[in-house]
mmCIF file of all heavy atoms, coordinates in Angstrom:
data_MODEL
# 
_entry.id   MODEL 
# 
loop_
_atom_site.group_PDB 
_atom_site.id 
_atom_site.type_symbol 
_atom_site.label_atom_id 
_atom_site.label_alt_id 
_atom_site.label_comp_id 
_atom_site.label_asym_id 
_atom_site.label_entity_id 
_atom_site.label_seq_id 
_atom_site.pdbx_PDB_ins_code 
_atom_site.Cartn_x 
_atom_site.Cartn_y 
_atom_site.Cartn_z 
_atom_site.occupancy 
_atom_site.B_iso_or_equiv 
_atom_site.pdbx_formal_charge 
_atom_site.auth_seq_id 
_atom_site.auth_comp_id 
_atom_site.auth_asym_id 
_atom_site.auth_atom_id 
_atom_site.pdbx_PDB_model_num 
ATOM 1   N N   . PHE A 1 1  ? 10.389 -70.930 -61.441 1.00 0.00 ? 1  PHE A N   1 
ATOM 2   C CA  . PHE A 1 1  ? 10.928 -71.819 -62.431 1.00 0.00 ? 1  PHE A CA  1 
ATOM 3   C C   . PHE A 1 1  ? 11.688 -71.066 -63.546 1.00 0.00 ? 1  PHE A C   1 
ATOM 4   O O   . PHE A 1 1  ? 12.762 -71.447 -63.882 1.00 0.00 ? 1  PHE A O   1 
ATOM 5   C CB  . PHE A 1 1  ? 9.809  -72.707 -63.071 1.00 0.00 ? 1  PHE A CB  1 
ATOM 6   C CG  . PHE A 1 1  ? 10.249 -73.742 -64.085 1.00 0.00 ? 1  PHE A CG  1 
ATOM 7   C CD1 . PHE A 1 1  ? 10.594 -74.969 -63.617 1.00 0.00 ? 1  PHE A CD1 1 
ATOM 8   C CD2 . PHE A 1 1  ? 10.335 -73.415 -65.449 1.00 0.00 ? 1  PHE A CD2 1 
ATOM 9   C CE1 . PHE A 1 1  ? 11.040 -75.946 -64.555 1.00 0.00 ? 1  PHE A CE1 1 
ATOM 10  C CE2 . PHE A 1 1  ? 10.781 -74.347 -66.345 1.00 0.00 ? 1  PHE A CE2 1 
ATOM 11  C CZ  . PHE A 1 1  ? 11.075 -75.665 -65.904 1.00 0.00 ? 1  PHE A CZ  1 
ATOM 12  N N   . ASP A 1 2  ? 11.068 -69.951 -63.932 1.00 0.00 ? 2  ASP A N   1 
ATOM 13  C CA  . ASP A 1 2  ? 11.672 -69.197 -65.024 1.00 0.00 ? 2  ASP A CA  1 
ATOM 14  C C   . ASP A 1 2  ? 12.957 -68.496 -64.445 1.00 0.00 ? 2  ASP A C   1 
ATOM 15  O O   . ASP A 1 2  ? 13.981 -68.283 -65.242 1.00 0.00 ? 2  ASP A O   1 
ATOM 16  C CB  . ASP A 1 2  ? 10.698 -68.076 -65.470 1.00 0.00 ? 2  ASP A CB  1 
ATOM 17  C CG  . ASP A 1 2  ? 9.556  -68.665 -66.281 1.00 0.00 ? 2  ASP A CG  1 
ATOM 18  O OD1 . ASP A 1 2  ? 9.661  -69.737 -66.775 1.00 0.00 ? 2  ASP A OD1 1 
ATOM 19  O OD2 . ASP A 1 2  ? 8.498  -68.001 -66.373 1.00 0.00 ? 2  ASP A OD2 1 
ATOM 20  N N   . GLU A 1 3  ? 12.896 -68.029 -63.171 1.00 0.00 ? 3  GLU A N   1 
ATOM 21  C CA  . GLU A 1 3  ? 14.050 -67.453 -62.559 1.00 0.00 ? 3  GLU A CA  1 
ATOM 22  C C   . GLU A 1 3  ? 15.275 -68.342 -62.567 1.00 0.00 ? 3  GLU A C   1 
ATOM 23  O O   . GLU A 1 3  ? 16.414 -67.985 -62.844 1.00 0.00 ? 3  GLU A O   1 
ATOM 24  C CB  . GLU A 1 3  ? 13.697 -67.033 -61.174 1.00 0.00 ? 3  GLU A CB  1 
ATOM 25  C CG  . GLU A 1 3  ? 14.806 -66.194 -60.449 1.00 0.00 ? 3  GLU A CG  1 
ATOM 26  C CD  . GLU A 1 3  ? 14.890 -64.766 -61.024 1.00 0.00 ? 3  GLU A CD  1 
ATOM 27  O OE1 . GLU A 1 3  ? 14.032 -64.324 -61.728 1.00 0.00 ? 3  GLU A OE1 1 
ATOM 28  O OE2 . GLU A 1 3  ? 15.963 -64.116 -60.747 1.00 0.00 ? 3  GLU A OE2 1 
ATOM 29  N N   . TRP A 1 4  ? 14.930 -69.708 -62.236 1.00 0.00 ? 4  TRP A N   1 
ATOM 30  C CA  . TRP A 1 4  ? 16.041 -70.608 -62.251 1.00 0.00 ? 4  TRP A CA  1 
ATOM 31  C C   . TRP A 1 4  ? 16.617 -70.903 -63.557 1.00 0.00 ? 4  TRP A C   1 
ATOM 32  O O   . TRP A 1 4  ? 17.839 -70.975 -63.759 1.00 0.00 ? 4  TRP A O   1 
ATOM 33  C CB  . TRP A 1 4  ? 15.523 -71.977 -61.587 1.00 0.00 ? 4  TRP A CB  1 
ATOM 34  C CG  . TRP A 1 4  ? 16.566 -72.998 -61.450 1.00 0.00 ? 4  TRP A CG  1 
ATOM 35  C CD1 . TRP A 1 4  ? 16.781 -74.106 -62.241 1.00 0.00 ? 4  TRP A CD1 1 
ATOM 36  C CD2 . TRP A 1 4  ? 17.587 -72.976 -60.511 1.00 0.00 ? 4  TRP A CD2 1 
ATOM 37  N NE1 . TRP A 1 4  ? 17.908 -74.781 -61.756 1.00 0.00 ? 4  TRP A NE1 1 
ATOM 38  C CE2 . TRP A 1 4  ? 18.458 -74.154 -60.723 1.00 0.00 ? 4  TRP A CE2 1 
ATOM 39  C CE3 . TRP A 1 4  ? 17.903 -72.167 -59.414 1.00 0.00 ? 4  TRP A CE3 1 
ATOM 40  C CZ2 . TRP A 1 4  ? 19.577 -74.457 -59.910 1.00 0.00 ? 4  TRP A CZ2 1 
ATOM 41  C CZ3 . TRP A 1 4  ? 19.028 -72.465 -58.636 1.00 0.00 ? 4  TRP A CZ3 1 
ATOM 42  C CH2 . TRP A 1 4  ? 19.826 -73.546 -58.917 1.00 0.00 ? 4  TRP A CH2 1 
ATOM 43  N N   . HIS A 1 5  ? 15.780 -70.955 -64.590 1.00 0.00 ? 5  HIS A N   1 
ATOM 44  C CA  . HIS A 1 5  ? 16.293 -71.200 -65.920 1.00 0.00 ? 5  HIS A CA  1 
ATOM 45  C C   . HIS A 1 5  ? 16.942 -69.989 -66.506 1.00 0.00 ? 5  HIS A C   1 
ATOM 46  O O   . HIS A 1 5  ? 17.907 -70.069 -67.419 1.00 0.00 ? 5  HIS A O   1 
ATOM 47  C CB  . HIS A 1 5  ? 15.144 -71.756 -66.857 1.00 0.00 ? 5  HIS A CB  1 
ATOM 48  C CG  . HIS A 1 5  ? 14.883 -73.081 -66.660 1.00 0.00 ? 5  HIS A CG  1 
ATOM 49  N ND1 . HIS A 1 5  ? 15.412 -74.099 -67.419 1.00 0.00 ? 5  HIS A ND1 1 
ATOM 50  C CD2 . HIS A 1 5  ? 14.075 -73.746 -65.754 1.00 0.00 ? 5  HIS A CD2 1 
ATOM 51  C CE1 . HIS A 1 5  ? 15.009 -75.259 -66.977 1.00 0.00 ? 5  HIS A CE1 1 
ATOM 52  N NE2 . HIS A 1 5  ? 14.225 -75.138 -65.938 1.00 0.00 ? 5  HIS A NE2 1 
ATOM 53  N N   . SER A 1 6  ? 16.698 -68.774 -66.011 1.00 0.00 ? 6  SER A N   1 
ATOM 54  C CA  . SER A 1 6  ? 17.467 -67.692 -66.371 1.00 0.00 ? 6  SER A CA  1 
ATOM 55  C C   . SER A 1 6  ? 18.890 -67.786 -65.774 1.00 0.00 ? 6  SER A C   1 
ATOM 56  O O   . SER A 1 6  ? 19.858 -67.409 -66.505 1.00 0.00 ? 6  SER A O   1 
ATOM 57  C CB  . SER A 1 6  ? 16.770 -66.357 -65.767 1.00 0.00 ? 6  SER A CB  1 
ATOM 58  O OG  . SER A 1 6  ? 17.612 -65.265 -65.960 1.00 0.00 ? 6  SER A OG  1 
ATOM 59  N N   . LEU A 1 7  ? 18.979 -68.270 -64.576 1.00 0.00 ? 7  LEU A N   1 
ATOM 60  C CA  . LEU A 1 7  ? 20.274 -68.553 -63.971 1.00 0.00 ? 7  LEU A CA  1 
ATOM 61  C C   . LEU A 1 7  ? 21.006 -69.559 -64.727 1.00 0.00 ? 7  LEU A C   1 
ATOM 62  O O   . LEU A 1 7  ? 22.280 -69.422 -64.941 1.00 0.00 ? 7  LEU A O   1 
ATOM 63  C CB  . LEU A 1 7  ? 20.114 -68.937 -62.501 1.00 0.00 ? 7  LEU A CB  1 
ATOM 64  C CG  . LEU A 1 7  ? 19.557 -67.802 -61.567 1.00 0.00 ? 7  LEU A CG  1 
ATOM 65  C CD1 . LEU A 1 7  ? 19.333 -68.401 -60.185 1.00 0.00 ? 7  LEU A CD1 1 
ATOM 66  C CD2 . LEU A 1 7  ? 20.504 -66.715 -61.430 1.00 0.00 ? 7  LEU A CD2 1 
ATOM 67  N N   . ARG A 1 8  ? 20.321 -70.618 -65.237 1.00 0.00 ? 8  ARG A N   1 
ATOM 68  C CA  . ARG A 1 8  ? 20.992 -71.716 -65.952 1.00 0.00 ? 8  ARG A CA  1 
ATOM 69  C C   . ARG A 1 8  ? 21.542 -71.088 -67.229 1.00 0.00 ? 8  ARG A C   1 
ATOM 70  O O   . ARG A 1 8  ? 22.664 -71.441 -67.689 1.00 0.00 ? 8  ARG A O   1 
ATOM 71  C CB  . ARG A 1 8  ? 19.952 -72.776 -66.305 1.00 0.00 ? 8  ARG A CB  1 
ATOM 72  C CG  . ARG A 1 8  ? 20.563 -73.952 -67.032 1.00 0.00 ? 8  ARG A CG  1 
ATOM 73  C CD  . ARG A 1 8  ? 19.483 -74.956 -67.519 1.00 0.00 ? 8  ARG A CD  1 
ATOM 74  N NE  . ARG A 1 8  ? 18.833 -75.619 -66.404 1.00 0.00 ? 8  ARG A NE  1 
ATOM 75  C CZ  . ARG A 1 8  ? 19.179 -76.811 -65.917 1.00 0.00 ? 8  ARG A CZ  1 
ATOM 76  N NH1 . ARG A 1 8  ? 20.184 -77.432 -66.469 1.00 0.00 ? 8  ARG A NH1 1 
ATOM 77  N NH2 . ARG A 1 8  ? 18.480 -77.370 -64.910 1.00 0.00 ? 8  ARG A NH2 1 
ATOM 78  N N   . TYR A 1 9  ? 20.854 -70.208 -67.905 1.00 0.00 ? 9  TYR A N   1 
ATOM 79  C CA  . TYR A 1 9  ? 21.304 -69.641 -69.203 1.00 0.00 ? 9  TYR A CA  1 
ATOM 80  C C   . TYR A 1 9  ? 22.568 -68.747 -68.865 1.00 0.00 ? 9  TYR A C   1 
ATOM 81  O O   . TYR A 1 9  ? 23.493 -68.853 -69.646 1.00 0.00 ? 9  TYR A O   1 
ATOM 82  C CB  . TYR A 1 9  ? 20.177 -68.762 -69.764 1.00 0.00 ? 9  TYR A CB  1 
ATOM 83  C CG  . TYR A 1 9  ? 20.659 -68.007 -70.973 1.00 0.00 ? 9  TYR A CG  1 
ATOM 84  C CD1 . TYR A 1 9  ? 20.688 -68.587 -72.225 1.00 0.00 ? 9  TYR A CD1 1 
ATOM 85  C CD2 . TYR A 1 9  ? 20.957 -66.702 -70.884 1.00 0.00 ? 9  TYR A CD2 1 
ATOM 86  C CE1 . TYR A 1 9  ? 21.190 -67.953 -73.387 1.00 0.00 ? 9  TYR A CE1 1 
ATOM 87  C CE2 . TYR A 1 9  ? 21.423 -65.998 -72.046 1.00 0.00 ? 9  TYR A CE2 1 
ATOM 88  C CZ  . TYR A 1 9  ? 21.511 -66.603 -73.271 1.00 0.00 ? 9  TYR A CZ  1 
ATOM 89  O OH  . TYR A 1 9  ? 21.986 -65.983 -74.371 1.00 0.00 ? 9  TYR A OH  1 
ATOM 90  N N   . ARG A 1 10 ? 22.542 -68.006 -67.849 1.00 0.00 ? 10 ARG A N   1 
ATOM 91  C CA  . ARG A 1 10 ? 23.665 -67.201 -67.443 1.00 0.00 ? 10 ARG A CA  1 
ATOM 92  C C   . ARG A 1 10 ? 24.920 -68.024 -67.171 1.00 0.00 ? 10 ARG A C   1 
ATOM 93  O O   . ARG A 1 10 ? 26.060 -67.735 -67.645 1.00 0.00 ? 10 ARG A O   1 
ATOM 94  C CB  . ARG A 1 10 ? 23.336 -66.253 -66.275 1.00 0.00 ? 10 ARG A CB  1 
ATOM 95  C CG  . ARG A 1 10 ? 22.389 -65.100 -66.631 1.00 0.00 ? 10 ARG A CG  1 
ATOM 96  C CD  . ARG A 1 10 ? 21.791 -64.487 -65.375 1.00 0.00 ? 10 ARG A CD  1 
ATOM 97  N NE  . ARG A 1 10 ? 22.772 -64.027 -64.479 1.00 0.00 ? 10 ARG A NE  1 
ATOM 98  C CZ  . ARG A 1 10 ? 22.554 -63.508 -63.267 1.00 0.00 ? 10 ARG A CZ  1 
ATOM 99  N NH1 . ARG A 1 10 ? 21.281 -63.482 -62.826 1.00 0.00 ? 10 ARG A NH1 1 
ATOM 100 N NH2 . ARG A 1 10 ? 23.415 -63.014 -62.476 1.00 0.00 ? 10 ARG A NH2 1 
ATOM 101 N N   . ALA A 1 11 ? 24.683 -69.111 -66.460 1.00 0.00 ? 11 ALA A N   1 
ATOM 102 C CA  . ALA A 1 11 ? 25.783 -69.972 -66.062 1.00 0.00 ? 11 ALA A CA  1 
ATOM 103 C C   . ALA A 1 11 ? 26.434 -70.609 -67.351 1.00 0.00 ? 11 ALA A C   1 
ATOM 104 O O   . ALA A 1 11 ? 27.667 -70.641 -67.510 1.00 0.00 ? 11 ALA A O   1 
ATOM 105 C CB  . ALA A 1 11 ? 25.356 -71.009 -65.133 1.00 0.00 ? 11 ALA A CB  1 
ATOM 106 N N   . GLN A 1 12 ? 25.584 -71.141 -68.237 1.00 0.00 ? 12 GLN A N   1 
ATOM 107 C CA  . GLN A 1 12 ? 26.023 -71.807 -69.398 1.00 0.00 ? 12 GLN A CA  1 
ATOM 108 C C   . GLN A 1 12 ? 26.581 -70.819 -70.507 1.00 0.00 ? 12 GLN A C   1 
ATOM 109 O O   . GLN A 1 12 ? 27.172 -71.225 -71.411 1.00 0.00 ? 12 GLN A O   1 
ATOM 110 C CB  . GLN A 1 12 ? 24.938 -72.700 -69.983 1.00 0.00 ? 12 GLN A CB  1 
ATOM 111 C CG  . GLN A 1 12 ? 24.590 -73.780 -69.114 1.00 0.00 ? 12 GLN A CG  1 
ATOM 112 C CD  . GLN A 1 12 ? 23.531 -74.745 -69.661 1.00 0.00 ? 12 GLN A CD  1 
ATOM 113 O OE1 . GLN A 1 12 ? 23.283 -74.761 -70.873 1.00 0.00 ? 12 GLN A OE1 1 
ATOM 114 N NE2 . GLN A 1 12 ? 22.944 -75.591 -68.800 1.00 0.00 ? 12 GLN A NE2 1 
ATOM 115 N N   . SER A 1 13 ? 26.307 -69.500 -70.242 1.00 0.00 ? 13 SER A N   1 
ATOM 116 C CA  . SER A 1 13 ? 26.892 -68.443 -71.137 1.00 0.00 ? 13 SER A CA  1 
ATOM 117 C C   . SER A 1 13 ? 28.242 -67.965 -70.626 1.00 0.00 ? 13 SER A C   1 
ATOM 118 O O   . SER A 1 13 ? 28.863 -67.109 -71.224 1.00 0.00 ? 13 SER A O   1 
ATOM 119 C CB  . SER A 1 13 ? 25.932 -67.310 -71.205 1.00 0.00 ? 13 SER A CB  1 
ATOM 120 O OG  . SER A 1 13 ? 24.663 -67.708 -71.811 1.00 0.00 ? 13 SER A OG  1 
ATOM 121 N N   . GLY A 1 14 ? 28.649 -68.587 -69.530 1.00 0.00 ? 14 GLY A N   1 
ATOM 122 C CA  . GLY A 1 14 ? 30.071 -68.283 -68.990 1.00 0.00 ? 14 GLY A CA  1 
ATOM 123 C C   . GLY A 1 14 ? 30.069 -67.411 -67.839 1.00 0.00 ? 14 GLY A C   1 
ATOM 124 O O   . GLY A 1 14 ? 31.192 -67.130 -67.287 1.00 0.00 ? 14 GLY A O   1 
ATOM 125 N N   . GLU A 1 15 ? 28.922 -66.964 -67.283 1.00 0.00 ? 15 GLU A N   1 
ATOM 126 C CA  . GLU A 1 15 ? 28.953 -66.210 -65.980 1.00 0.00 ? 15 GLU A CA  1 
ATOM 127 C C   . GLU A 1 15 ? 29.384 -67.122 -64.815 1.00 0.00 ? 15 GLU A C   1 
ATOM 128 O O   . GLU A 1 15 ? 28.992 -68.319 -64.755 1.00 0.00 ? 15 GLU A O   1 
ATOM 129 C CB  . GLU A 1 15 ? 27.535 -65.601 -65.743 1.00 0.00 ? 15 GLU A CB  1 
ATOM 130 C CG  . GLU A 1 15 ? 27.639 -64.541 -64.692 1.00 0.00 ? 15 GLU A CG  1 
ATOM 131 C CD  . GLU A 1 15 ? 26.362 -63.724 -64.634 1.00 0.00 ? 15 GLU A CD  1 
ATOM 132 O OE1 . GLU A 1 15 ? 25.513 -63.838 -65.603 1.00 0.00 ? 15 GLU A OE1 1 
ATOM 133 O OE2 . GLU A 1 15 ? 26.181 -62.950 -63.680 1.00 0.00 ? 15 GLU A OE2 1 
ATOM 134 N N   . SER A 1 16 ? 30.236 -66.599 -63.936 1.00 0.00 ? 16 SER A N   1 
ATOM 135 C CA  . SER A 1 16 ? 30.766 -67.350 -62.873 1.00 0.00 ? 16 SER A CA  1 
ATOM 136 C C   . SER A 1 16 ? 29.661 -67.832 -61.908 1.00 0.00 ? 16 SER A C   1 
ATOM 137 O O   . SER A 1 16 ? 28.710 -67.177 -61.534 1.00 0.00 ? 16 SER A O   1 
ATOM 138 C CB  . SER A 1 16 ? 31.677 -66.487 -61.982 1.00 0.00 ? 16 SER A CB  1 
ATOM 139 O OG  . SER A 1 16 ? 31.960 -67.023 -60.772 1.00 0.00 ? 16 SER A OG  1 
ATOM 140 N N   . LEU A 1 17 ? 29.735 -69.099 -61.476 1.00 0.00 ? 17 LEU A N   1 
ATOM 141 C CA  . LEU A 1 17 ? 28.802 -69.673 -60.508 1.00 0.00 ? 17 LEU A CA  1 
ATOM 142 C C   . LEU A 1 17 ? 28.825 -68.926 -59.229 1.00 0.00 ? 17 LEU A C   1 
ATOM 143 O O   . LEU A 1 17 ? 27.820 -68.731 -58.554 1.00 0.00 ? 17 LEU A O   1 
ATOM 144 C CB  . LEU A 1 17 ? 29.080 -71.203 -60.318 1.00 0.00 ? 17 LEU A CB  1 
ATOM 145 C CG  . LEU A 1 17 ? 28.668 -72.145 -61.453 1.00 0.00 ? 17 LEU A CG  1 
ATOM 146 C CD1 . LEU A 1 17 ? 28.994 -73.540 -61.033 1.00 0.00 ? 17 LEU A CD1 1 
ATOM 147 C CD2 . LEU A 1 17 ? 27.165 -72.043 -61.820 1.00 0.00 ? 17 LEU A CD2 1 
ATOM 148 N N   . THR A 1 18 ? 30.098 -68.533 -58.815 1.00 0.00 ? 18 THR A N   1 
ATOM 149 C CA  . THR A 1 18 ? 30.195 -67.819 -57.545 1.00 0.00 ? 18 THR A CA  1 
ATOM 150 C C   . THR A 1 18 ? 29.483 -66.469 -57.620 1.00 0.00 ? 18 THR A C   1 
ATOM 151 O O   . THR A 1 18 ? 28.862 -66.079 -56.607 1.00 0.00 ? 18 THR A O   1 
ATOM 152 C CB  . THR A 1 18 ? 31.715 -67.545 -57.311 1.00 0.00 ? 18 THR A CB  1 
ATOM 153 O OG1 . THR A 1 18 ? 32.340 -68.843 -57.180 1.00 0.00 ? 18 THR A OG1 1 
ATOM 154 C CG2 . THR A 1 18 ? 31.916 -66.846 -55.997 1.00 0.00 ? 18 THR A CG2 1 
ATOM 155 N N   . LYS A 1 19 ? 29.411 -65.857 -58.790 1.00 0.00 ? 19 LYS A N   1 
ATOM 156 C CA  . LYS A 1 19 ? 28.810 -64.573 -58.989 1.00 0.00 ? 19 LYS A CA  1 
ATOM 157 C C   . LYS A 1 19 ? 27.259 -64.668 -58.803 1.00 0.00 ? 19 LYS A C   1 
ATOM 158 O O   . LYS A 1 19 ? 26.597 -63.825 -58.203 1.00 0.00 ? 19 LYS A O   1 
ATOM 159 C CB  . LYS A 1 19 ? 29.161 -63.959 -60.314 1.00 0.00 ? 19 LYS A CB  1 
ATOM 160 C CG  . LYS A 1 19 ? 28.466 -62.598 -60.488 1.00 0.00 ? 19 LYS A CG  1 
ATOM 161 C CD  . LYS A 1 19 ? 28.999 -61.986 -61.849 1.00 0.00 ? 19 LYS A CD  1 
ATOM 162 C CE  . LYS A 1 19 ? 28.354 -60.645 -62.064 1.00 0.00 ? 19 LYS A CE  1 
ATOM 163 N NZ  . LYS A 1 19 ? 28.836 -60.035 -63.393 1.00 0.00 ? 19 LYS A NZ  1 
ATOM 164 N N   . ILE A 1 20 ? 26.721 -65.774 -59.370 1.00 0.00 ? 20 ILE A N   1 
ATOM 165 C CA  . ILE A 1 20 ? 25.268 -65.921 -59.325 1.00 0.00 ? 20 ILE A CA  1 
ATOM 166 C C   . ILE A 1 20 ? 24.855 -66.773 -58.132 1.00 0.00 ? 20 ILE A C   1 
ATOM 167 O O   . ILE A 1 20 ? 23.654 -67.098 -57.960 1.00 0.00 ? 20 ILE A O   1 
ATOM 168 C CB  . ILE A 1 20 ? 24.710 -66.583 -60.590 1.00 0.00 ? 20 ILE A CB  1 
ATOM 169 C CG1 . ILE A 1 20 ? 25.264 -68.061 -60.724 1.00 0.00 ? 20 ILE A CG1 1 
ATOM 170 C CG2 . ILE A 1 20 ? 25.085 -65.798 -61.786 1.00 0.00 ? 20 ILE A CG2 1 
ATOM 171 C CD1 . ILE A 1 20 ? 24.724 -68.730 -61.967 1.00 0.00 ? 20 ILE A CD1 1 
ATOM 172 N N   . MET A 1 21 ? 25.794 -67.146 -57.239 1.00 0.00 ? 21 MET A N   1 
ATOM 173 C CA  . MET A 1 21 ? 25.540 -68.030 -56.100 1.00 0.00 ? 21 MET A CA  1 
ATOM 174 C C   . MET A 1 21 ? 24.368 -67.451 -55.216 1.00 0.00 ? 21 MET A C   1 
ATOM 175 O O   . MET A 1 21 ? 23.441 -68.084 -54.824 1.00 0.00 ? 21 MET A O   1 
ATOM 176 C CB  . MET A 1 21 ? 26.730 -68.325 -55.320 1.00 0.00 ? 21 MET A CB  1 
ATOM 177 C CG  . MET A 1 21 ? 26.578 -69.243 -54.129 1.00 0.00 ? 21 MET A CG  1 
ATOM 178 S SD  . MET A 1 21 ? 28.080 -69.763 -53.433 1.00 0.00 ? 21 MET A SD  1 
ATOM 179 C CE  . MET A 1 21 ? 28.790 -68.185 -52.869 1.00 0.00 ? 21 MET A CE  1 
ATOM 180 N N   . PRO A 1 22 ? 24.493 -66.218 -54.755 1.00 0.00 ? 22 PRO A N   1 
ATOM 181 C CA  . PRO A 1 22 ? 23.387 -65.647 -53.928 1.00 0.00 ? 22 PRO A CA  1 
ATOM 182 C C   . PRO A 1 22 ? 22.012 -65.769 -54.507 1.00 0.00 ? 22 PRO A C   1 
ATOM 183 O O   . PRO A 1 22 ? 21.042 -66.178 -53.834 1.00 0.00 ? 22 PRO A O   1 
ATOM 184 C CB  . PRO A 1 22 ? 23.750 -64.147 -53.668 1.00 0.00 ? 22 PRO A CB  1 
ATOM 185 C CG  . PRO A 1 22 ? 25.258 -64.148 -53.911 1.00 0.00 ? 22 PRO A CG  1 
ATOM 186 C CD  . PRO A 1 22 ? 25.483 -65.143 -55.057 1.00 0.00 ? 22 PRO A CD  1 
ATOM 187 N N   . GLU A 1 23 ? 21.846 -65.481 -55.762 1.00 0.00 ? 23 GLU A N   1 
ATOM 188 C CA  . GLU A 1 23 ? 20.575 -65.542 -56.472 1.00 0.00 ? 23 GLU A CA  1 
ATOM 189 C C   . GLU A 1 23 ? 20.094 -67.009 -56.524 1.00 0.00 ? 23 GLU A C   1 
ATOM 190 O O   . GLU A 1 23 ? 18.927 -67.417 -56.314 1.00 0.00 ? 23 GLU A O   1 
ATOM 191 C CB  . GLU A 1 23 ? 20.602 -64.967 -57.831 1.00 0.00 ? 23 GLU A CB  1 
ATOM 192 C CG  . GLU A 1 23 ? 20.921 -63.537 -57.876 1.00 0.00 ? 23 GLU A CG  1 
ATOM 193 C CD  . GLU A 1 23 ? 21.241 -63.031 -59.268 1.00 0.00 ? 23 GLU A CD  1 
ATOM 194 O OE1 . GLU A 1 23 ? 20.326 -62.755 -60.040 1.00 0.00 ? 23 GLU A OE1 1 
ATOM 195 O OE2 . GLU A 1 23 ? 22.447 -62.923 -59.603 1.00 0.00 ? 23 GLU A OE2 1 
ATOM 196 N N   . ALA A 1 24 ? 21.027 -67.894 -56.843 1.00 0.00 ? 24 ALA A N   1 
ATOM 197 C CA  . ALA A 1 24 ? 20.659 -69.340 -56.937 1.00 0.00 ? 24 ALA A CA  1 
ATOM 198 C C   . ALA A 1 24 ? 20.280 -69.936 -55.623 1.00 0.00 ? 24 ALA A C   1 
ATOM 199 O O   . ALA A 1 24 ? 19.268 -70.599 -55.539 1.00 0.00 ? 24 ALA A O   1 
ATOM 200 C CB  . ALA A 1 24 ? 21.917 -70.154 -57.521 1.00 0.00 ? 24 ALA A CB  1 
ATOM 201 N N   . PHE A 1 25 ? 21.053 -69.597 -54.592 1.00 0.00 ? 25 PHE A N   1 
ATOM 202 C CA  . PHE A 1 25 ? 20.644 -70.157 -53.257 1.00 0.00 ? 25 PHE A CA  1 
ATOM 203 C C   . PHE A 1 25 ? 19.369 -69.590 -52.748 1.00 0.00 ? 25 PHE A C   1 
ATOM 204 O O   . PHE A 1 25 ? 18.607 -70.289 -52.044 1.00 0.00 ? 25 PHE A O   1 
ATOM 205 C CB  . PHE A 1 25 ? 21.804 -69.808 -52.296 1.00 0.00 ? 25 PHE A CB  1 
ATOM 206 C CG  . PHE A 1 25 ? 23.030 -70.722 -52.335 1.00 0.00 ? 25 PHE A CG  1 
ATOM 207 C CD1 . PHE A 1 25 ? 23.117 -71.687 -53.351 1.00 0.00 ? 25 PHE A CD1 1 
ATOM 208 C CD2 . PHE A 1 25 ? 24.022 -70.667 -51.416 1.00 0.00 ? 25 PHE A CD2 1 
ATOM 209 C CE1 . PHE A 1 25 ? 24.224 -72.471 -53.429 1.00 0.00 ? 25 PHE A CE1 1 
ATOM 210 C CE2 . PHE A 1 25 ? 25.100 -71.504 -51.397 1.00 0.00 ? 25 PHE A CE2 1 
ATOM 211 C CZ  . PHE A 1 25 ? 25.192 -72.457 -52.480 1.00 0.00 ? 25 PHE A CZ  1 
ATOM 212 N N   . ALA A 1 26 ? 19.034 -68.383 -53.178 1.00 0.00 ? 26 ALA A N   1 
ATOM 213 C CA  . ALA A 1 26 ? 17.777 -67.742 -52.754 1.00 0.00 ? 26 ALA A CA  1 
ATOM 214 C C   . ALA A 1 26 ? 16.685 -68.533 -53.427 1.00 0.00 ? 26 ALA A C   1 
ATOM 215 O O   . ALA A 1 26 ? 15.659 -68.834 -52.739 1.00 0.00 ? 26 ALA A O   1 
ATOM 216 C CB  . ALA A 1 26 ? 17.673 -66.320 -53.175 1.00 0.00 ? 26 ALA A CB  1 
ATOM 217 N N   . VAL A 1 27 ? 16.749 -68.833 -54.717 1.00 0.00 ? 27 VAL A N   1 
ATOM 218 C CA  . VAL A 1 27 ? 15.686 -69.621 -55.410 1.00 0.00 ? 27 VAL A CA  1 
ATOM 219 C C   . VAL A 1 27 ? 15.558 -70.969 -54.824 1.00 0.00 ? 27 VAL A C   1 
ATOM 220 O O   . VAL A 1 27 ? 14.397 -71.521 -54.520 1.00 0.00 ? 27 VAL A O   1 
ATOM 221 C CB  . VAL A 1 27 ? 15.960 -69.685 -56.883 1.00 0.00 ? 27 VAL A CB  1 
ATOM 222 C CG1 . VAL A 1 27 ? 14.964 -70.573 -57.579 1.00 0.00 ? 27 VAL A CG1 1 
ATOM 223 C CG2 . VAL A 1 27 ? 16.003 -68.312 -57.537 1.00 0.00 ? 27 VAL A CG2 1 
ATOM 224 N N   . VAL A 1 28 ? 16.668 -71.747 -54.564 1.00 0.00 ? 28 VAL A N   1 
ATOM 225 C CA  . VAL A 1 28 ? 16.589 -73.086 -54.079 1.00 0.00 ? 28 VAL A CA  1 
ATOM 226 C C   . VAL A 1 28 ? 16.024 -72.994 -52.648 1.00 0.00 ? 28 VAL A C   1 
ATOM 227 O O   . VAL A 1 28 ? 15.194 -73.910 -52.286 1.00 0.00 ? 28 VAL A O   1 
ATOM 228 C CB  . VAL A 1 28 ? 18.075 -73.678 -54.047 1.00 0.00 ? 28 VAL A CB  1 
ATOM 229 C CG1 . VAL A 1 28 ? 17.991 -75.048 -53.362 1.00 0.00 ? 28 VAL A CG1 1 
ATOM 230 C CG2 . VAL A 1 28 ? 18.609 -73.802 -55.463 1.00 0.00 ? 28 VAL A CG2 1 
# 
């Protein structure tokens, strides 16, 4: 849960979704 919200923070801070896609797909 914390890992996902860390990704949410990075995405909303301007980091590219494509860049964090591997990490996001791994969590999901």
